[in-house]
C-alpha atoms as a PDB file:
ATOM      1  CA  UNK A   1      26.855  -1.864 -16.820  1.00  0.00           C
ATOM      2  CA  UNK A   2      24.365  -2.883 -14.446  1.00  0.00           C
ATOM      3  CA  UNK A   3      21.189  -3.530 -14.515  1.00  0.00           C
ATOM      4  CA  UNK A   4      18.750  -0.563 -13.906  1.00  0.00           C
ATOM      5  CA  UNK A   5      15.152  -0.669 -12.929  1.00  0.00           C
ATOM      6  CA  UNK A   6      12.500  -0.405 -15.203  1.00  0.00           C
ATOM      7  CA  UNK A   7       9.169   0.211 -15.695  1.00  0.00           C
ATOM      8  CA  UNK A   8       6.693  -2.533 -14.418  1.00  0.00           C
ATOM      9  CA  UNK A   9       9.723  -4.820 -13.203  1.00  0.00           C
ATOM     10  CA  UNK A  10       9.160  -6.417 -10.276  1.00  0.00           C
ATOM     11  CA  UNK A  11      11.370  -6.284  -7.236  1.00  0.00           C
ATOM     12  CA  UNK A  12      12.053  -6.928  -3.938  1.00  0.00           C
ATOM     13  CA  UNK A  13      13.323  -4.062  -1.980  1.00  0.00           C
ATOM     14  CA  UNK A  14      13.814  -3.489   2.600  1.00  0.00           C
ATOM     15  CA  UNK A  15      12.664   0.464   3.057  1.00  0.00           C
ATOM     16  CA  UNK A  16      12.270   2.350   6.707  1.00  0.00           C
ATOM     17  CA  UNK A  17      10.606   5.857   6.189  1.00  0.00           C
ATOM     18  CA  UNK A  18      11.687   9.211   8.462  1.00  0.00           C
ATOM     19  CA  UNK A  19      10.521  12.234   9.231  1.00  0.00           C
ATOM     20  CA  UNK A  20      13.042  15.115   8.842  1.00  0.00           C
ATOM     21  CA  UNK A  21      13.173  14.185  12.813  1.00  0.00           C
ATOM     22  CA  UNK A  22      14.238  11.052  12.036  1.00  0.00           C
ATOM     23  CA  UNK A  23      11.278   9.767  13.730  1.00  0.00           C
ATOM     24  CA  UNK A  24       9.910   6.155  12.223  1.00  0.00           C
ATOM     25  CA  UNK A  25       6.611   5.633  10.536  1.00  0.00           C
ATOM     26  CA  UNK A  26       7.062   2.663   8.719  1.00  0.00           C
ATOM     27  CA  UNK A  27       9.661  -0.141   7.673  1.00  0.00           C
ATOM     28  CA  UNK A  28      10.426  -3.706   6.875  1.00  0.00           C
ATOM     29  CA  UNK A  29      12.599  -4.569   9.411  1.00  0.00           C
ATOM     30  CA  UNK A  30      10.955  -5.670  12.435  1.00  0.00           C
ATOM     31  CA  UNK A  31      14.233  -4.708  14.180  1.00  0.00           C
ATOM     32  CA  UNK A  32      13.537  -1.287  13.726  1.00  0.00           C
ATOM     33  CA  UNK A  33       9.613  -1.133  14.199  1.00  0.00           C
ATOM     34  CA  UNK A  34       9.984  -1.935  17.951  1.00  0.00           C
ATOM     35  CA  UNK A  35      12.977   0.147  18.239  1.00  0.00           C
ATOM     36  CA  UNK A  36      11.287   3.167  17.131  1.00  0.00           C
ATOM     37  CA  UNK A  37       8.240   1.878  18.730  1.00  0.00           C
ATOM     38  CA  UNK A  38       6.616   1.069  16.245  1.00  0.00           C
ATOM     39  CA  UNK A  39       6.716  -2.788  16.900  1.00  0.00           C
ATOM     40  CA  UNK A  40       2.980  -3.900  16.277  1.00  0.00           C
ATOM     41  CA  UNK A  41       2.199  -7.880  16.024  1.00  0.00           C
ATOM     42  CA  UNK A  42      -0.499  -8.172  13.255  1.00  0.00           C
ATOM     43  CA  UNK A  43       2.168  -7.144  10.343  1.00  0.00           C
ATOM     44  CA  UNK A  44       4.834  -9.924   8.599  1.00  0.00           C
ATOM     45  CA  UNK A  45       8.337  -7.552   8.972  1.00  0.00           C
ATOM     46  CA  UNK A  46      10.029  -8.989   5.333  1.00  0.00           C
ATOM     47  CA  UNK A  47      11.630  -7.678   2.495  1.00  0.00           C
ATOM     48  CA  UNK A  48       8.505  -6.467  -0.109  1.00  0.00           C
ATOM     49  CA  UNK A  49       7.801  -7.333  -3.607  1.00  0.00           C
ATOM     50  CA  UNK A  50       5.830  -4.322  -5.483  1.00  0.00           C
ATOM     51  CA  UNK A  51       5.718  -3.859  -9.394  1.00  0.00           C
ATOM     52  CA  UNK A  52       7.693  -0.553 -10.103  1.00  0.00           C
ATOM     53  CA  UNK A  53       5.028   1.594 -11.834  1.00  0.00           C
ATOM     54  CA  UNK A  54       1.719   0.468 -10.164  1.00  0.00           C
ATOM     55  CA  UNK A  55       2.227   3.100  -7.627  1.00  0.00           C
ATOM     56  CA  UNK A  56       2.377  -0.101  -4.342  1.00  0.00           C
ATOM     57  CA  UNK A  57       4.600   2.281  -2.594  1.00  0.00           C
ATOM     58  CA  UNK A  58       3.639   6.151  -2.161  1.00  0.00           C
ATOM     59  CA  UNK A  59       3.605   7.299  -5.766  1.00  0.00           C
ATOM     60  CA  UNK A  60       7.051   9.771  -4.853  1.00  0.00           C
ATOM     61  CA  UNK A  61       8.794   6.610  -3.965  1.00  0.00           C
ATOM     62  CA  UNK A  62       7.727   4.514  -6.969  1.00  0.00           C
ATOM     63  CA  UNK A  63       8.288   7.005  -9.534  1.00  0.00           C
ATOM     64  CA  UNK A  64      12.201   7.447  -7.821  1.00  0.00           C
ATOM     65  CA  UNK A  65      12.393   4.268  -8.008  1.00  0.00           C
ATOM     66  CA  UNK A  66      13.203   3.885 -11.888  1.00  0.00           C
ATOM     67  CA  UNK A  67      17.232   4.174 -13.181  1.00  0.00           C
ATOM     68  CA  UNK A  68      18.104   3.197  -9.934  1.00  0.00           C
ATOM     69  CA  UNK A  69      21.006   0.110 -10.005  1.00  0.00           C
ATOM     70  CA  UNK A  70      20.025  -3.843  -8.052  1.00  0.00           C
ATOM     71  CA  UNK A  71      21.893  -4.571  -4.632  1.00  0.00           C
ATOM     72  CA  UNK A  72      22.455  -0.760  -3.969  1.00  0.00           C
ATOM     73  CA  UNK A  73      20.923   1.056  -1.233  1.00  0.00           C
ATOM     74  CA  UNK A  74      19.823   4.854  -1.745  1.00  0.00           C
ATOM     75  CA  UNK A  75      18.410   7.595   0.394  1.00  0.00           C
ATOM     76  CA  UNK A  76      15.526   9.280  -1.383  1.00  0.00           C
ATOM     77  CA  UNK A  77      14.226  12.499  -0.237  1.00  0.00           C
ATOM     78  CA  UNK A  78      10.690  14.004  -0.762  1.00  0.00           C
ATOM     79  CA  UNK A  79       8.176  16.711  -0.374  1.00  0.00           C
ATOM     80  CA  UNK A  80       5.122  16.922   0.582  1.00  0.00           C
ATOM     81  CA  UNK A  81       3.338  16.690  -2.960  1.00  0.00           C
ATOM     82  CA  UNK A  82       5.529  13.944  -3.444  1.00  0.00           C
ATOM     83  CA  UNK A  83       4.694  11.328  -0.323  1.00  0.00           C
ATOM     84  CA  UNK A  84       1.858  12.546   1.345  1.00  0.00           C
ATOM     85  CA  UNK A  85       0.705  15.397  -0.308  1.00  0.00           C
ATOM     86  CA  UNK A  86       0.656  18.729   0.963  1.00  0.00           C
ATOM     87  CA  UNK A  87      -2.244  20.218   3.643  1.00  0.00           C
ATOM     88  CA  UNK A  88      -5.463  20.853   2.050  1.00  0.00           C
ATOM     89  CA  UNK A  89      -7.878  23.179   4.455  1.00  0.00           C
ATOM     90  CA  UNK A  90     -10.810  22.043   1.464  1.00  0.00           C
ATOM     91  CA  UNK A  91     -10.475  18.946   3.970  1.00  0.00           C
ATOM     92  CA  UNK A  92     -10.879  19.516   6.466  1.00  0.00           C
ATOM     93  CA  UNK A  93     -14.774  19.499   7.086  1.00  0.00           C
ATOM     94  CA  UNK A  94     -17.472  20.247   9.058  1.00  0.00           C
ATOM     95  CA  UNK A  95     -20.653  18.002   9.561  1.00  0.00           C
ATOM     96  CA  UNK A  96     -23.896  17.930  11.343  1.00  0.00           C
ATOM     97  CA  UNK A  97     -24.247  14.990  14.024  1.00  0.00           C
ATOM     98  CA  UNK A  98     -26.431  14.051  12.002  1.00  0.00           C
ATOM     99  CA  UNK A  99     -24.855  12.015  10.026  1.00  0.00           C
ATOM    100  CA  UNK A 100     -22.742  10.386  12.280  1.00  0.00           C
ATOM    101  CA  UNK A 101     -25.969   9.205  14.469  1.00  0.00           C
ATOM    102  CA  UNK A 102     -27.256   8.155  11.143  1.00  0.00           C
ATOM    103  CA  UNK A 103     -24.438   5.617  10.981  1.00  0.00           C
ATOM    104  CA  UNK A 104     -25.102   4.663  14.763  1.00  0.00           C
ATOM    105  CA  UNK A 105     -21.497   6.539  15.676  1.00  0.00           C
ATOM    106  CA  UNK A 106     -20.293   8.849  18.653  1.00  0.00           C
ATOM    107  CA  UNK A 107     -17.744  10.517  17.181  1.00  0.00           C
ATOM    108  CA  UNK A 108     -14.457  11.580  20.124  1.00  0.00           C
ATOM    109  CA  UNK A 109     -11.944  13.350  19.293  1.00  0.00           C
ATOM    110  CA  UNK A 110      -9.196  11.800  17.419  1.00  0.00           C
ATOM    111  CA  UNK A 111     -11.419   8.965  15.839  1.00  0.00           C
ATOM    112  CA  UNK A 112     -10.719   7.573  12.866  1.00  0.00           C
ATOM    113  CA  UNK A 113     -13.423   7.481  10.731  1.00  0.00           C
ATOM    114  CA  UNK A 114     -14.892   6.513   7.332  1.00  0.00           C
ATOM    115  CA  UNK A 115     -17.336   8.281   5.727  1.00  0.00           C
ATOM    116  CA  UNK A 116     -18.787   7.263   2.277  1.00  0.00           C
ATOM    117  CA  UNK A 117     -15.608   5.385   1.531  1.00  0.00           C
ATOM    118  CA  UNK A 118     -13.204   8.864   3.073  1.00  0.00           C
ATOM    119  CA  UNK A 119     -11.159   8.659   5.835  1.00  0.00           C
ATOM    120  CA  UNK A 120     -10.475  11.157   8.061  1.00  0.00           C
ATOM    121  CA  UNK A 121     -10.036  11.868  11.492  1.00  0.00           C
ATOM    122  CA  UNK A 122     -12.120  14.002  14.691  1.00  0.00           C
ATOM    123  CA  UNK A 123     -10.715  16.897  15.311  1.00  0.00           C
ATOM    124  CA  UNK A 124     -13.357  18.308  17.454  1.00  0.00           C
ATOM    125  CA  UNK A 125     -16.644  17.287  18.596  1.00  0.00           C
ATOM    126  CA  UNK A 126     -19.093  19.982  20.390  1.00  0.00           C
ATOM    127  CA  UNK A 127     -22.924  20.372  19.746  1.00  0.00           C
ATOM    128  CA  UNK A 128     -24.473  19.356  17.378  1.00  0.00           C
ATOM    129  CA  UNK A 129     -21.041  20.008  14.462  1.00  0.00           C
ATOM    130  CA  UNK A 130     -18.145  17.938  14.061  1.00  0.00           C
ATOM    131  CA  UNK A 131     -14.900  19.107  12.745  1.00  0.00           C
ATOM    132  CA  UNK A 132     -12.913  16.843  10.500  1.00  0.00           C
ATOM    133  CA  UNK A 133      -9.893  16.453   9.351  1.00  0.00           C
ATOM    134  CA  UNK A 134     -10.020  14.040   5.903  1.00  0.00           C
ATOM    135  CA  UNK A 135      -5.830  14.951   4.658  1.00  0.00           C
ATOM    136  CA  UNK A 136      -3.600  12.121   5.091  1.00  0.00           C
ATOM    137  CA  UNK A 137      -2.337  12.065   9.141  1.00  0.00           C
ATOM    138  CA  UNK A 138       1.100  12.486   7.441  1.00  0.00           C
ATOM    139  CA  UNK A 139      -0.011  15.573   5.020  1.00  0.00           C
ATOM    140  CA  UNK A 140       2.695  18.019   4.466  1.00  0.00           C
ATOM    141  CA  UNK A 141       5.017  16.575   5.611  1.00  0.00           C
ATOM    142  CA  UNK A 142       9.263  16.115   3.927  1.00  0.00           C
ATOM    143  CA  UNK A 143       9.702  12.326   4.382  1.00  0.00           C
ATOM    144  CA  UNK A 144      13.157  10.485   3.434  1.00  0.00           C
ATOM    145  CA  UNK A 145      12.736   6.722   2.406  1.00  0.00           C
ATOM    146  CA  UNK A 146      16.157   4.519   3.069  1.00  0.00           C
ATOM    147  CA  UNK A 147      16.140   1.683   0.286  1.00  0.00           C
ATOM    148  CA  UNK A 148      17.794  -0.967  -0.050  1.00  0.00           C
ATOM    149  CA  UNK A 149      16.704  -3.360  -4.134  1.00  0.00           C
ATOM    150  CA  UNK A 150      17.337  -7.064  -2.662  1.00  0.00           C
ATOM    151  CA  UNK A 151      17.290  -7.921  -6.856  1.00  0.00           C
ATOM    152  CA  UNK A 152      15.059  -8.547  -9.977  1.00  0.00           C
ATOM    153  CA  UNK A 153      12.022 -10.931  -9.433  1.00  0.00           C
ATOM    154  CA  UNK A 154      11.306 -12.919 -12.831  1.00  0.00           C
ATOM    155  CA  UNK A 155       9.333 -16.093 -11.235  1.00  0.00           C
ATOM    156  CA  UNK A 156       5.659 -15.880 -12.225  1.00  0.00           C
ATOM    157  CA  UNK A 157       4.110 -17.030 -10.120  1.00  0.00           C
ATOM    158  CA  UNK A 158       5.573 -14.678  -7.315  1.00  0.00           C
ATOM    159  CA  UNK A 159       4.927 -11.724  -9.001  1.00  0.00           C
ATOM    160  CA  UNK A 160       1.295 -12.968  -9.412  1.00  0.00           C
ATOM    161  CA  UNK A 161       1.411 -14.017  -5.567  1.00  0.00           C
ATOM    162  CA  UNK A 162       3.196 -10.536  -4.360  1.00  0.00           C
ATOM    163  CA  UNK A 163       1.509  -8.526  -7.018  1.00  0.00           C
ATOM    164  CA  UNK A 164      -2.435  -9.777  -5.398  1.00  0.00           C
ATOM    165  CA  UNK A 165      -1.138  -9.838  -1.779  1.00  0.00           C
ATOM    166  CA  UNK A 166      -0.358  -6.187  -1.664  1.00  0.00           C
ATOM    167  CA  UNK A 167      -3.313  -5.578  -3.871  1.00  0.00           C
ATOM    168  CA  UNK A 168      -5.866  -6.725  -1.634  1.00  0.00           C
ATOM    169  CA  UNK A 169      -4.586  -7.484   2.177  1.00  0.00           C
ATOM    170  CA  UNK A 170      -4.045 -10.479   2.243  1.00  0.00           C
ATOM    171  CA  UNK A 171      -1.158 -13.442   3.200  1.00  0.00           C
ATOM    172  CA  UNK A 172      -0.429 -16.297   1.833  1.00  0.00           C
ATOM    173  CA  UNK A 173      -2.612 -16.799  -1.635  1.00  0.00           C
ATOM    174  CA  UNK A 174      -2.318 -20.038  -2.898  1.00  0.00           C
ATOM    175  CA  UNK A 175      -0.780 -19.442  -6.329  1.00  0.00           C
ATOM    176  CA  UNK A 176       0.048 -21.941  -9.334  1.00  0.00           C
ATOM    177  CA  UNK A 177       1.561 -21.320 -12.536  1.00  0.00           C
ATOM    178  CA  UNK A 178       1.881 -24.449 -15.419  1.00  0.00           C
ATOM    179  CA  UNK A 179       3.048 -24.235 -18.568  1.00  0.00           C
ATOM    180  CA  UNK A 180       2.265 -20.385 -18.591  1.00  0.00           C
ATOM    181  CA  UNK A 181      -0.990 -20.251 -17.146  1.00  0.00           C
ATOM    182  CA  UNK A 182      -2.166 -19.743 -13.228  1.00  0.00           C
ATOM    183  CA  UNK A 183      -4.761 -20.126 -11.107  1.00  0.00           C
ATOM    184  CA  UNK A 184      -4.797 -17.976  -7.808  1.00  0.00           C
ATOM    185  CA  UNK A 185      -7.345 -19.323  -4.817  1.00  0.00           C
ATOM    186  CA  UNK A 186      -8.219 -15.738  -3.250  1.00  0.00           C
ATOM    187  CA  UNK A 187     -10.766 -16.138  -0.104  1.00  0.00           C
ATOM    188  CA  UNK A 188     -13.278 -14.063  -1.602  1.00  0.00           C
ATOM    189  CA  UNK A 189     -14.716 -13.671  -5.246  1.00  0.00           C
ATOM    190  CA  UNK A 190     -14.529 -10.926  -7.467  1.00  0.00           C
ATOM    191  CA  UNK A 191     -16.897  -9.411  -9.573  1.00  0.00           C
ATOM    192  CA  UNK A 192     -16.790 -10.800 -13.686  1.00  0.00           C
ATOM    193  CA  UNK A 193     -16.301  -6.872 -14.726  1.00  0.00           C
ATOM    194  CA  UNK A 194     -13.009  -6.577 -12.594  1.00  0.00           C
ATOM    195  CA  UNK A 195     -12.243 -10.395 -13.421  1.00  0.00           C
ATOM    196  CA  UNK A 196     -11.285  -9.306 -16.809  1.00  0.00           C
ATOM    197  CA  UNK A 197      -9.992  -6.073 -15.862  1.00  0.00           C
ATOM    198  CA  UNK A 198      -7.612  -7.725 -13.396  1.00  0.00           C
ATOM    199  CA  UNK A 199      -6.615 -10.603 -15.152  1.00  0.00           C
ATOM    200  CA  UNK A 200      -5.957  -8.744 -18.824  1.00  0.00           C
ATOM    201  CA  UNK A 201      -3.401  -6.449 -16.572  1.00  0.00           C
ATOM    202  CA  UNK A 202      -1.754  -8.971 -14.434  1.00  0.00           C
ATOM    203  CA  UNK A 203      -1.237 -11.284 -17.632  1.00  0.00           C
ATOM    204  CA  UNK A 204       0.306  -7.477 -18.882  1.00  0.00           C
ATOM    205  CA  UNK A 205       2.463  -7.210 -16.175  1.00  0.00           C
ATOM    206  CA  UNK A 206       3.668 -10.879 -15.634  1.00  0.00           C
ATOM    207  CA  UNK A 207       3.415 -12.733 -19.393  1.00  0.00           C
ATOM    208  CA  UNK A 208       1.660 -15.126 -18.325  1.00  0.00           C
ATOM    209  CA  UNK A 209      -1.267 -15.991 -21.415  1.00  0.00           C
ATOM    210  CA  UNK A 210      -4.034 -17.166 -18.729  1.00  0.00           C
ATOM    211  CA  UNK A 211      -4.922 -16.069 -15.287  1.00  0.00           C
ATOM    212  CA  UNK A 212      -8.429 -17.502 -13.584  1.00  0.00           C
ATOM    213  CA  UNK A 213      -9.405 -16.666 -10.216  1.00  0.00           C
ATOM    214  CA  UNK A 214     -11.271 -19.055  -8.280  1.00  0.00           C
ATOM    215  CA  UNK A 215     -13.482 -18.415  -4.349  1.00  0.00           C
ATOM    216  CA  UNK A 216     -11.430 -20.277  -1.122  1.00  0.00           C
ATOM    217  CA  UNK A 217     -13.838 -23.159  -0.201  1.00  0.00           C
ATOM    218  CA  UNK A 218     -14.813 -22.075   3.478  1.00  0.00           C
ATOM    219  CA  UNK A 219     -14.867 -25.254   5.996  1.00  0.00           C
ATOM    220  CA  UNK A 220     -18.053 -25.753   7.465  1.00  0.00           C
END
């Protein structure tokens, strides 16, 4: 019987996300990104390692991976509520210009803004009233993912490294594992409470006995 993906397996995948009109909006493949004019030099195109069930991909895609077989390729279709959400007109808000002025922002149509942790796009800016759409740009769209499940990742150092890099949007973090104890070097210091919670969570996921974090020393 073929090995199937279970909750909290670490797996390596390649994927390409498309809309129903076949236009590509996301991919792990550099050639595909260039072909569909979405290539970014800031992105490192390569297979990605995720922990299934931890929502490191969009929720519907993450859920769909359970019970899939390693080494196989799948086409996964997602409804808007399984992907980037339905359009919610309550998320289109009228905001006084004073809110932008105190943040020293000059709003312009099409501008992406972050107001108290909520990210939106300015739809119109006339007079003293600004209309901002806080829906995800892909809200309301059905999407299709082509996913190749490469392999299961059992190396604990690689599990820890990939989880931290995705969580903190970092590249090439230093992680060492010796006798089932790990040390991870981050470019910033974590609050003590977060460190404890993250260590416990990662110990449960990777089965490591101990995980310590240290802050990278910056050269003077």
